[in-house]
C-alpha atoms as a PDB file:
ATOM      1  CA  UNK A   1      22.183 -35.066  16.563  1.00  0.00           C
ATOM      2  CA  UNK A   2      20.538 -37.623  14.274  1.00  0.00           C
ATOM      3  CA  UNK A   3      21.142 -37.264  10.533  1.00  0.00           C
ATOM      4  CA  UNK A   4      17.414 -36.774   9.863  1.00  0.00           C
ATOM      5  CA  UNK A   5      17.318 -33.592  11.961  1.00  0.00           C
ATOM      6  CA  UNK A   6      20.189 -31.836  10.155  1.00  0.00           C
ATOM      7  CA  UNK A   7      18.138 -30.791   7.069  1.00  0.00           C
ATOM      8  CA  UNK A   8      15.341 -29.481   9.313  1.00  0.00           C
ATOM      9  CA  UNK A   9      17.886 -27.518  11.338  1.00  0.00           C
ATOM     10  CA  UNK A  10      19.330 -26.013   8.134  1.00  0.00           C
ATOM     11  CA  UNK A  11      15.922 -24.954   6.849  1.00  0.00           C
ATOM     12  CA  UNK A  12      15.099 -23.409  10.215  1.00  0.00           C
ATOM     13  CA  UNK A  13      18.324 -21.376  10.125  1.00  0.00           C
ATOM     14  CA  UNK A  14      17.395 -20.044   6.698  1.00  0.00           C
ATOM     15  CA  UNK A  15      13.716 -19.311   7.336  1.00  0.00           C
ATOM     16  CA  UNK A  16      13.881 -17.738  10.809  1.00  0.00           C
ATOM     17  CA  UNK A  17      15.869 -14.609   9.820  1.00  0.00           C
ATOM     18  CA  UNK A  18      13.444 -13.996   6.950  1.00  0.00           C
ATOM     19  CA  UNK A  19      10.444 -14.289   9.270  1.00  0.00           C
ATOM     20  CA  UNK A  20      12.049 -11.909  11.764  1.00  0.00           C
ATOM     21  CA  UNK A  21      12.681  -9.371   8.977  1.00  0.00           C
ATOM     22  CA  UNK A  22       9.079  -9.575   7.762  1.00  0.00           C
ATOM     23  CA  UNK A  23       7.804  -9.130  11.321  1.00  0.00           C
ATOM     24  CA  UNK A  24      10.030  -6.092  11.912  1.00  0.00           C
ATOM     25  CA  UNK A  25       8.854  -4.504   8.649  1.00  0.00           C
ATOM     26  CA  UNK A  26       5.213  -5.082   9.559  1.00  0.00           C
ATOM     27  CA  UNK A  27       5.667  -3.603  13.038  1.00  0.00           C
ATOM     28  CA  UNK A  28       7.502  -0.567  11.676  1.00  0.00           C
ATOM     29  CA  UNK A  29       4.832  -0.052   9.011  1.00  0.00           C
ATOM     30  CA  UNK A  30       1.785  -0.349  11.299  1.00  0.00           C
ATOM     31  CA  UNK A  31       1.940   3.141  12.944  1.00  0.00           C
ATOM     32  CA  UNK A  32       1.821   4.889   9.560  1.00  0.00           C
ATOM     33  CA  UNK A  33      -1.180   2.855   8.465  1.00  0.00           C
ATOM     34  CA  UNK A  34      -2.833   3.638  11.814  1.00  0.00           C
ATOM     35  CA  UNK A  35      -2.252   7.410  11.353  1.00  0.00           C
ATOM     36  CA  UNK A  36      -3.783   7.303   7.877  1.00  0.00           C
ATOM     37  CA  UNK A  37      -6.814   5.335   9.065  1.00  0.00           C
ATOM     38  CA  UNK A  38      -7.343   7.742  11.969  1.00  0.00           C
ATOM     39  CA  UNK A  39      -7.227  10.745   9.618  1.00  0.00           C
ATOM     40  CA  UNK A  40      -9.248   9.491   6.635  1.00  0.00           C
ATOM     41  CA  UNK A  41     -12.481   7.478   6.445  1.00  0.00           C
ATOM     42  CA  UNK A  42     -12.909   4.471   4.180  1.00  0.00           C
ATOM     43  CA  UNK A  43     -14.589   5.106   0.821  1.00  0.00           C
ATOM     44  CA  UNK A  44     -15.537   2.562  -1.826  1.00  0.00           C
ATOM     45  CA  UNK A  45     -14.219   3.395  -5.302  1.00  0.00           C
ATOM     46  CA  UNK A  46     -14.534   1.648  -8.645  1.00  0.00           C
ATOM     47  CA  UNK A  47     -11.177   0.168  -9.580  1.00  0.00           C
ATOM     48  CA  UNK A  48      -9.300  -1.515 -12.380  1.00  0.00           C
ATOM     49  CA  UNK A  49      -5.989  -3.305 -12.460  1.00  0.00           C
ATOM     50  CA  UNK A  50      -3.771  -1.883 -15.202  1.00  0.00           C
ATOM     51  CA  UNK A  51      -1.486  -4.277 -17.061  1.00  0.00           C
ATOM     52  CA  UNK A  52       1.798  -4.839 -15.271  1.00  0.00           C
ATOM     53  CA  UNK A  53       4.574  -2.447 -16.226  1.00  0.00           C
ATOM     54  CA  UNK A  54       8.205  -2.816 -15.250  1.00  0.00           C
ATOM     55  CA  UNK A  55       8.274  -0.615 -12.121  1.00  0.00           C
ATOM     56  CA  UNK A  56       4.618  -0.734 -11.236  1.00  0.00           C
ATOM     57  CA  UNK A  57       3.950  -4.433 -11.354  1.00  0.00           C
ATOM     58  CA  UNK A  58       1.122  -4.391  -8.826  1.00  0.00           C
ATOM     59  CA  UNK A  59      -0.868  -1.227  -9.324  1.00  0.00           C
ATOM     60  CA  UNK A  60      -4.532  -0.450  -8.899  1.00  0.00           C
ATOM     61  CA  UNK A  61      -6.345   2.416 -10.618  1.00  0.00           C
ATOM     62  CA  UNK A  62      -9.232   3.963  -8.692  1.00  0.00           C
ATOM     63  CA  UNK A  63     -11.812   6.312 -10.180  1.00  0.00           C
ATOM     64  CA  UNK A  64     -12.185   9.132  -7.636  1.00  0.00           C
ATOM     65  CA  UNK A  65     -14.499  11.232  -9.829  1.00  0.00           C
ATOM     66  CA  UNK A  66     -16.009  10.796 -13.276  1.00  0.00           C
ATOM     67  CA  UNK A  67     -13.117  11.044 -15.711  1.00  0.00           C
ATOM     68  CA  UNK A  68     -10.497  11.254 -12.939  1.00  0.00           C
ATOM     69  CA  UNK A  69      -8.481   8.092 -12.395  1.00  0.00           C
ATOM     70  CA  UNK A  70      -5.595   7.774  -9.941  1.00  0.00           C
ATOM     71  CA  UNK A  71      -3.024   5.004 -10.130  1.00  0.00           C
ATOM     72  CA  UNK A  72      -1.741   3.623  -6.845  1.00  0.00           C
ATOM     73  CA  UNK A  73       1.124   1.251  -6.186  1.00  0.00           C
ATOM     74  CA  UNK A  74       1.500  -0.936  -3.105  1.00  0.00           C
ATOM     75  CA  UNK A  75       4.427   0.037  -0.933  1.00  0.00           C
ATOM     76  CA  UNK A  76       6.909  -0.757   0.649  1.00  0.00           C
ATOM     77  CA  UNK A  77       6.580  -4.191  -0.913  1.00  0.00           C
ATOM     78  CA  UNK A  78       4.709  -5.371  -3.961  1.00  0.00           C
ATOM     79  CA  UNK A  79       1.413  -7.085  -3.444  1.00  0.00           C
ATOM     80  CA  UNK A  80      -0.995  -8.242  -6.111  1.00  0.00           C
ATOM     81  CA  UNK A  81      -4.397  -6.912  -5.058  1.00  0.00           C
ATOM     82  CA  UNK A  82      -6.108  -8.426  -8.073  1.00  0.00           C
ATOM     83  CA  UNK A  83      -5.676 -11.937  -6.741  1.00  0.00           C
ATOM     84  CA  UNK A  84      -7.138 -11.298  -3.283  1.00  0.00           C
ATOM     85  CA  UNK A  85     -10.289 -13.206  -2.403  1.00  0.00           C
ATOM     86  CA  UNK A  86     -12.618 -10.376  -3.217  1.00  0.00           C
ATOM     87  CA  UNK A  87     -16.332 -10.883  -3.904  1.00  0.00           C
ATOM     88  CA  UNK A  88     -16.395  -7.461  -5.639  1.00  0.00           C
ATOM     89  CA  UNK A  89     -13.290  -7.264  -7.886  1.00  0.00           C
ATOM     90  CA  UNK A  90     -14.383  -3.963  -9.490  1.00  0.00           C
ATOM     91  CA  UNK A  91     -14.582  -2.076  -6.172  1.00  0.00           C
ATOM     92  CA  UNK A  92     -11.905  -1.340  -3.583  1.00  0.00           C
ATOM     93  CA  UNK A  93     -11.932   0.528  -0.293  1.00  0.00           C
ATOM     94  CA  UNK A  94      -9.523   3.440  -0.032  1.00  0.00           C
ATOM     95  CA  UNK A  95      -8.637   5.662   2.927  1.00  0.00           C
ATOM     96  CA  UNK A  96      -6.251   8.482   2.173  1.00  0.00           C
ATOM     97  CA  UNK A  97      -5.464  11.327  -0.177  1.00  0.00           C
ATOM     98  CA  UNK A  98      -5.728  10.346  -3.855  1.00  0.00           C
ATOM     99  CA  UNK A  99      -2.884  12.738  -4.710  1.00  0.00           C
ATOM    100  CA  UNK A 100      -0.378  10.974  -2.478  1.00  0.00           C
ATOM    101  CA  UNK A 101      -1.747   7.614  -1.391  1.00  0.00           C
ATOM    102  CA  UNK A 102      -3.155   5.957   1.670  1.00  0.00           C
ATOM    103  CA  UNK A 103      -4.469   2.502   2.504  1.00  0.00           C
ATOM    104  CA  UNK A 104      -6.483   0.170   0.282  1.00  0.00           C
ATOM    105  CA  UNK A 105      -8.389  -2.963   1.150  1.00  0.00           C
ATOM    106  CA  UNK A 106     -10.529  -5.363  -0.834  1.00  0.00           C
ATOM    107  CA  UNK A 107     -14.219  -5.103   0.011  1.00  0.00           C
ATOM    108  CA  UNK A 108     -14.686  -6.822   3.336  1.00  0.00           C
ATOM    109  CA  UNK A 109     -11.860  -5.041   5.147  1.00  0.00           C
ATOM    110  CA  UNK A 110      -9.270  -7.793   5.090  1.00  0.00           C
ATOM    111  CA  UNK A 111      -5.654  -7.189   4.086  1.00  0.00           C
ATOM    112  CA  UNK A 112      -5.267  -3.399   4.339  1.00  0.00           C
ATOM    113  CA  UNK A 113      -2.214  -2.322   2.357  1.00  0.00           C
ATOM    114  CA  UNK A 114      -0.322   0.952   2.135  1.00  0.00           C
ATOM    115  CA  UNK A 115      -0.315   2.503  -1.341  1.00  0.00           C
ATOM    116  CA  UNK A 116       1.383   5.520  -2.893  1.00  0.00           C
ATOM    117  CA  UNK A 117       0.223   7.457  -5.940  1.00  0.00           C
ATOM    118  CA  UNK A 118       2.430   6.844  -8.941  1.00  0.00           C
ATOM    119  CA  UNK A 119       2.419  10.630  -9.558  1.00  0.00           C
ATOM    120  CA  UNK A 120       4.675  10.970  -6.498  1.00  0.00           C
ATOM    121  CA  UNK A 121       7.221   8.598  -7.968  1.00  0.00           C
ATOM    122  CA  UNK A 122       7.085  10.408 -11.313  1.00  0.00           C
ATOM    123  CA  UNK A 123       7.425  13.759  -9.465  1.00  0.00           C
ATOM    124  CA  UNK A 124       4.400  15.181 -11.225  1.00  0.00           C
ATOM    125  CA  UNK A 125       4.671  19.001 -11.118  1.00  0.00           C
ATOM    126  CA  UNK A 126       0.881  19.379 -11.299  1.00  0.00           C
ATOM    127  CA  UNK A 127       0.239  17.989  -7.811  1.00  0.00           C
ATOM    128  CA  UNK A 128      -1.801  20.434  -5.713  1.00  0.00           C
ATOM    129  CA  UNK A 129      -0.506  21.573  -2.319  1.00  0.00           C
ATOM    130  CA  UNK A 130      -1.197  19.217   0.562  1.00  0.00           C
ATOM    131  CA  UNK A 131      -3.817  19.998   3.172  1.00  0.00           C
ATOM    132  CA  UNK A 132      -3.703  19.765   6.986  1.00  0.00           C
ATOM    133  CA  UNK A 133      -5.266  16.292   7.036  1.00  0.00           C
ATOM    134  CA  UNK A 134      -2.497  14.940   4.803  1.00  0.00           C
ATOM    135  CA  UNK A 135       0.075  16.533   7.122  1.00  0.00           C
ATOM    136  CA  UNK A 136      -1.558  14.948  10.182  1.00  0.00           C
ATOM    137  CA  UNK A 137      -1.619  11.536   8.480  1.00  0.00           C
ATOM    138  CA  UNK A 138       2.069  11.778   7.599  1.00  0.00           C
ATOM    139  CA  UNK A 139       1.444  11.921   3.842  1.00  0.00           C
ATOM    140  CA  UNK A 140       2.809  15.463   3.548  1.00  0.00           C
ATOM    141  CA  UNK A 141       5.275  17.805   5.168  1.00  0.00           C
ATOM    142  CA  UNK A 142       5.363  21.607   4.882  1.00  0.00           C
ATOM    143  CA  UNK A 143       2.535  21.602   2.334  1.00  0.00           C
ATOM    144  CA  UNK A 144       4.226  19.137  -0.041  1.00  0.00           C
ATOM    145  CA  UNK A 145       3.433  15.468  -0.490  1.00  0.00           C
ATOM    146  CA  UNK A 146       6.279  13.196   0.506  1.00  0.00           C
ATOM    147  CA  UNK A 147       7.479   9.853  -0.769  1.00  0.00           C
ATOM    148  CA  UNK A 148       8.253   7.524   2.103  1.00  0.00           C
ATOM    149  CA  UNK A 149       8.491   3.803   2.478  1.00  0.00           C
ATOM    150  CA  UNK A 150       7.242   3.938   6.079  1.00  0.00           C
END
């Protein structure tokens, strides 16, 4: 093996396992996103991007009703929605239950991402009981919203 190929071989050995892991995560995550999108329609909501906090570095706040704002965090990995190529940065598409989460996408439908409501992570006792649609989408079980990575 020529000496010029050895660094390329080393980089390949380091990058390939990472790419396989990312692919496996995406394939494992896709059925949950599909269930949510089959259960809930897309709706456009006004949104803001709160300043980054320690745990919730990449959050988006959607206004579901006048005076009612819900904070959502991308999951299972962090993704900065604010820096997506979005012609309408103050609007985001959301499909899901605002109490637990769902899927968000910048206007235009590219890059759908799974999100979870930060109230789930804080174990907010004021969450209402889940409905049948949330159960069908996998966002709830036995009438209670669940926190899952996948």
